[in-house]
Amino acid sequence: MLVVVSPAKNLDYTTPVATKLFSQPALLDDTQSLLKVCQTLTPADLSGLMGISDKLALLNAERFATFKMPFTSENARQAALAFNGDVYTGLDAGSLSAADLDYAQQHLRILSGLYGVLRPLDLMQPYRLEMGTKLATEKGKNLYEYWGLTITNNLNETLAEQETEAQPVLVNLASTEYFSAVKPKELNAQIITPVFKDEKNGKVKIISFYAKKARGLMARFIIQNRIDNVAQLSEFNTAGYRFSPEQSTATSLVFVRLEQDRPA
């Protein structure tokens, strides 16, 4: 089983890391080619391209300009410990055991606009480049065209390394923006997409903030419990969520949390 999640816009490069172990991103050659394009952009270009403030645009122009190779523990940080959004609050990688981190390294992947695919312990330098960015390169008019089949091929290589008698399973915990970089028809796996709904004012619906955190909680559940088949996914009951078979399908597993069960 392989799990994919989205990155986060917010980053944390100050909190002490929980492990000294690290690895290098597999697609760094592609990253460096993309970086050369990014380094030609002015702060004004970045502001218009990504719809961000002048302050954020200047920060990211400086980040692109100061990328240093090779990545080391002094100039970079492990991806799962650097991202700092709602998904990563749920994942809470910093509190995973050494054995859990090792398992995550084999079974969790982070999709990225700049790095393509990251393992949890892959070093990365700070950046902001969302997958939906319409950045023109020699490969096309946006990042989806830039990455093409590269991300899907990388995921297939990882799936092929996993020992399983049944069809491999990919658990999609990424956003639509990021999973759109994967080519489902070319992926050698059954794709399962968990959906998280919360009750609010008597109505059950997807609430973005809660759903993002739940994706991280599900990833953590899979890692800590060494989940290796689809049936076991329905046992997820963290933070008050319960599997809803009547709302689920063979490829979409729905989990519902009632308002009364939501942690304070």
Foldseek 3Di string as FASTA:
>chain_A
DAEEAEFAQAWDPDPDAQDQDADAFPQVVLLVQVLVLLQVDQLVRQCVQVVDDSVVSNVQNVQSVPDDPDDDVVQWFFRLRTGDALLSVLQVVRPDDPQLLVLQQLHYWYADLRRGIHGRRHTDHDHDDFQQGQRDDPQGRGSLSSCPCVSLVVVQVSQVPDDDPDFAEYEYLYDPSRCVSHDVVSHRGQYAYEFEWEDDPNDIDGDPSVSSNVSSNLSNVCSVVVDGDDVVSQVDQPQQWHWDVVPADPRYTYIYHYPVSHDD
